[in-house]
Every structure is written in structure tokens, then in C-alpha cells.
Amino acid sequence: MKGAVNQGIVLQVVQAYQAVLYAQRQADIAQHAEETAKALLRDAQAHVKAGLAVDSDLLAAQVNLAERQ
């Protein structure tokens, strides 16, 4: 019985550790997505300023960034 309890505790610890790793990876992905959205917004702003894009492109980049913040 004691061995089964110990195995259960080990399993819970391993699962908790995996959950932490998963959460950290998800946070990294979200941060990268936000950085990418910021870069796309800067590009859209530059393109609109240069006359190479329309305001709706800028708005789409702004929405994209807002969704990732």
C-alpha cells in the first residue's frame, strides 16, 4: 500500500512539472506572437506612410496586435 501511495505522489509531481513546462512554453509562444504582431504593425505603418498600403491594412495589423496583448 505504501508503495502505491508513493507512486501516486511521484505521478502527481511529474504531472505538475509537465504542466509547468507546458505553461512556460505557451507563455513563450504568446510573447513571440506579440513581438511578431508589433513588427507587422511597424511594417504596416511604414507602408501606409509610403503609400504602399491602405489604412485597412494598418487597422488589420492593429487588431492583430490587440488580440495578442
N, C-alpha and C. Protein backbone atom coordinates (compact mmCIF):
# COMPACT_ATOMS: atom_id res chain seq x y z
N MET A 1 0.82 -1.19 0.00
CA MET A 1 0.00 0.00 0.00
C MET A 1 0.86 1.26 0.00
N LYS A 2 1.92 1.24 0.81
CA LYS A 2 2.80 2.41 0.90
C LYS A 2 3.47 2.70 -0.45
N GLY A 3 3.85 1.64 -1.15
CA GLY A 3 4.47 1.81 -2.47
C GLY A 3 3.51 2.44 -3.46
N ALA A 4 2.25 2.06 -3.40
CA ALA A 4 1.25 2.63 -4.30
C ALA A 4 1.04 4.11 -4.01
N VAL A 5 1.06 4.47 -2.73
CA VAL A 5 0.90 5.87 -2.34
C VAL A 5 2.08 6.68 -2.85
N ASN A 6 3.29 6.14 -2.69
CA ASN A 6 4.49 6.82 -3.17
C ASN A 6 4.45 6.99 -4.69
N GLN A 7 4.01 5.96 -5.39
CA GLN A 7 3.92 6.04 -6.85
C GLN A 7 2.90 7.10 -7.26
N GLY A 8 1.81 7.17 -6.50
CA GLY A 8 0.80 8.19 -6.79
C GLY A 8 1.34 9.58 -6.60
N ILE A 9 2.12 9.77 -5.56
CA ILE A 9 2.73 11.08 -5.31
C ILE A 9 3.73 11.43 -6.40
N VAL A 10 4.54 10.47 -6.79
CA VAL A 10 5.51 10.69 -7.87
C VAL A 10 4.79 11.06 -9.15
N LEU A 11 3.72 10.37 -9.45
CA LEU A 11 2.94 10.66 -10.65
C LEU A 11 2.40 12.09 -10.61
N GLN A 12 1.87 12.51 -9.47
CA GLN A 12 1.34 13.86 -9.33
C GLN A 12 2.43 14.91 -9.51
N VAL A 13 3.60 14.65 -8.97
CA VAL A 13 4.72 15.58 -9.11
C VAL A 13 5.15 15.69 -10.57
N VAL A 14 5.24 14.55 -11.24
CA VAL A 14 5.64 14.55 -12.66
C VAL A 14 4.60 15.29 -13.49
N GLN A 15 3.33 15.05 -13.22
CA GLN A 15 2.28 15.73 -13.98
C GLN A 15 2.30 17.23 -13.72
N ALA A 16 2.53 17.63 -12.48
CA ALA A 16 2.61 19.05 -12.16
C ALA A 16 3.80 19.70 -12.86
N TYR A 17 4.93 19.01 -12.88
CA TYR A 17 6.12 19.53 -13.55
C TYR A 17 5.86 19.69 -15.05
N GLN A 18 5.22 18.69 -15.65
CA GLN A 18 4.90 18.78 -17.07
C GLN A 18 3.95 19.93 -17.35
N ALA A 19 3.02 20.17 -16.44
CA ALA A 19 2.08 21.28 -16.61
C ALA A 19 2.82 22.62 -16.55
N VAL A 20 3.80 22.72 -15.67
CA VAL A 20 4.60 23.95 -15.58
C VAL A 20 5.39 24.15 -16.87
N LEU A 21 6.02 23.11 -17.37
CA LEU A 21 6.77 23.21 -18.63
C LEU A 21 5.86 23.63 -19.78
N TYR A 22 4.68 23.05 -19.83
CA TYR A 22 3.72 23.38 -20.88
C TYR A 22 3.31 24.85 -20.77
N ALA A 23 3.03 25.31 -19.56
CA ALA A 23 2.62 26.70 -19.36
C ALA A 23 3.75 27.66 -19.75
N GLN A 24 4.98 27.31 -19.42
CA GLN A 24 6.11 28.16 -19.79
C GLN A 24 6.24 28.23 -21.31
N ARG A 25 6.06 27.11 -21.98
CA ARG A 25 6.16 27.09 -23.45
C ARG A 25 5.04 27.93 -24.07
N GLN A 26 3.84 27.82 -23.51
CA GLN A 26 2.73 28.61 -24.02
C GLN A 26 3.00 30.11 -23.83
N ALA A 27 3.59 30.47 -22.71
CA ALA A 27 3.93 31.87 -22.46
C ALA A 27 4.98 32.35 -23.46
N ASP A 28 5.96 31.52 -23.75
CA ASP A 28 6.99 31.87 -24.75
C ASP A 28 6.36 32.08 -26.11
N ILE A 29 5.44 31.20 -26.48
CA ILE A 29 4.77 31.30 -27.78
C ILE A 29 3.95 32.59 -27.85
N ALA A 30 3.24 32.90 -26.77
CA ALA A 30 2.43 34.11 -26.75
C ALA A 30 3.30 35.36 -26.86
N GLN A 31 4.43 35.36 -26.17
CA GLN A 31 5.34 36.50 -26.24
C GLN A 31 5.88 36.66 -27.66
N HIS A 32 6.26 35.57 -28.28
CA HIS A 32 6.78 35.63 -29.65
C HIS A 32 5.69 36.14 -30.61
N ALA A 33 4.46 35.69 -30.42
CA ALA A 33 3.37 36.14 -31.28
C ALA A 33 3.14 37.64 -31.12
N GLU A 34 3.26 38.14 -29.90
CA GLU A 34 3.09 39.58 -29.67
C GLU A 34 4.22 40.36 -30.32
N GLU A 35 5.44 39.89 -30.19
CA GLU A 35 6.58 40.57 -30.82
C GLU A 35 6.43 40.59 -32.33
N THR A 36 5.96 39.50 -32.89
CA THR A 36 5.74 39.42 -34.34
C THR A 36 4.65 40.40 -34.76
N ALA A 37 3.57 40.47 -33.98
CA ALA A 37 2.48 41.39 -34.29
C ALA A 37 2.95 42.84 -34.23
N LYS A 38 3.82 43.15 -33.28
CA LYS A 38 4.36 44.52 -33.18
C LYS A 38 5.20 44.85 -34.42
N ALA A 39 5.99 43.89 -34.86
CA ALA A 39 6.81 44.11 -36.06
C ALA A 39 5.92 44.29 -37.29
N LEU A 40 4.87 43.51 -37.39
CA LEU A 40 3.95 43.65 -38.52
C LEU A 40 3.24 45.00 -38.49
N LEU A 41 2.93 45.48 -37.30
CA LEU A 41 2.31 46.80 -37.18
C LEU A 41 3.28 47.89 -37.63
N ARG A 42 4.53 47.79 -37.22
CA ARG A 42 5.53 48.78 -37.65
C ARG A 42 5.66 48.78 -39.18
N ASP A 43 5.68 47.58 -39.75
CA ASP A 43 5.77 47.47 -41.21
C ASP A 43 4.55 48.09 -41.88
N ALA A 44 3.37 47.80 -41.34
CA ALA A 44 2.14 48.35 -41.92
C ALA A 44 2.14 49.87 -41.83
N GLN A 45 2.59 50.41 -40.70
CA GLN A 45 2.66 51.86 -40.56
C GLN A 45 3.60 52.46 -41.60
N ALA A 46 4.74 51.84 -41.78
CA ALA A 46 5.70 52.34 -42.76
C ALA A 46 5.14 52.25 -44.18
N HIS A 47 4.44 51.17 -44.47
CA HIS A 47 3.88 51.00 -45.81
C HIS A 47 2.77 52.03 -46.08
N VAL A 48 1.94 52.28 -45.08
CA VAL A 48 0.89 53.29 -45.25
C VAL A 48 1.52 54.66 -45.46
N LYS A 49 2.53 54.95 -44.65
CA LYS A 49 3.21 56.26 -44.77
C LYS A 49 3.84 56.42 -46.15
N ALA A 50 4.35 55.33 -46.70
CA ALA A 50 4.99 55.38 -48.02
C ALA A 50 3.99 55.25 -49.17
N GLY A 51 2.72 55.07 -48.83
CA GLY A 51 1.70 54.94 -49.87
C GLY A 51 1.64 53.55 -50.48
N LEU A 52 2.24 52.59 -49.84
CA LEU A 52 2.27 51.23 -50.38
C LEU A 52 1.18 50.33 -49.80
N ALA A 53 0.44 50.86 -48.85
CA ALA A 53 -0.65 50.09 -48.24
C ALA A 53 -1.77 51.05 -47.89
N VAL A 54 -2.93 50.49 -47.64
CA VAL A 54 -4.10 51.31 -47.31
C VAL A 54 -4.36 51.24 -45.80
N ASP A 55 -5.21 52.14 -45.34
CA ASP A 55 -5.49 52.21 -43.90
C ASP A 55 -6.06 50.91 -43.34
N SER A 56 -6.80 50.18 -44.16
CA SER A 56 -7.36 48.92 -43.67
C SER A 56 -6.26 47.90 -43.34
N ASP A 57 -5.14 47.98 -44.04
CA ASP A 57 -4.01 47.11 -43.71
C ASP A 57 -3.45 47.47 -42.34
N LEU A 58 -3.39 48.76 -42.07
CA LEU A 58 -2.92 49.22 -40.77
C LEU A 58 -3.89 48.79 -39.67
N LEU A 59 -5.16 48.93 -39.93
CA LEU A 59 -6.17 48.52 -38.96
C LEU A 59 -6.08 47.03 -38.67
N ALA A 60 -5.88 46.24 -39.70
CA ALA A 60 -5.74 44.79 -39.51
C ALA A 60 -4.54 44.47 -38.64
N ALA A 61 -3.44 45.18 -38.83
CA ALA A 61 -2.24 44.95 -38.01
C ALA A 61 -2.51 45.38 -36.57
N GLN A 62 -3.25 46.45 -36.38
CA GLN A 62 -3.58 46.90 -35.03
C GLN A 62 -4.47 45.89 -34.30
N VAL A 63 -5.43 45.35 -35.01
CA VAL A 63 -6.31 44.33 -34.43
C VAL A 63 -5.51 43.07 -34.11
N ASN A 64 -4.63 42.69 -35.01
CA ASN A 64 -3.79 41.52 -34.79
C ASN A 64 -2.98 41.68 -33.50
N LEU A 65 -2.39 42.84 -33.30
CA LEU A 65 -1.62 43.10 -32.10
C LEU A 65 -2.52 43.09 -30.86
N ALA A 66 -3.66 43.73 -30.95
CA ALA A 66 -4.57 43.79 -29.80
C ALA A 66 -5.01 42.40 -29.36
N GLU A 67 -5.19 41.51 -30.31
CA GLU A 67 -5.58 40.13 -29.99
C GLU A 67 -4.49 39.37 -29.25
N ARG A 68 -3.26 39.82 -29.37
CA ARG A 68 -2.14 39.12 -28.77
C ARG A 68 -1.66 39.76 -27.47
N GLN A 69 -2.28 40.85 -27.09
CA GLN A 69 -1.89 41.52 -25.84
C GLN A 69 -2.80 41.14 -24.71
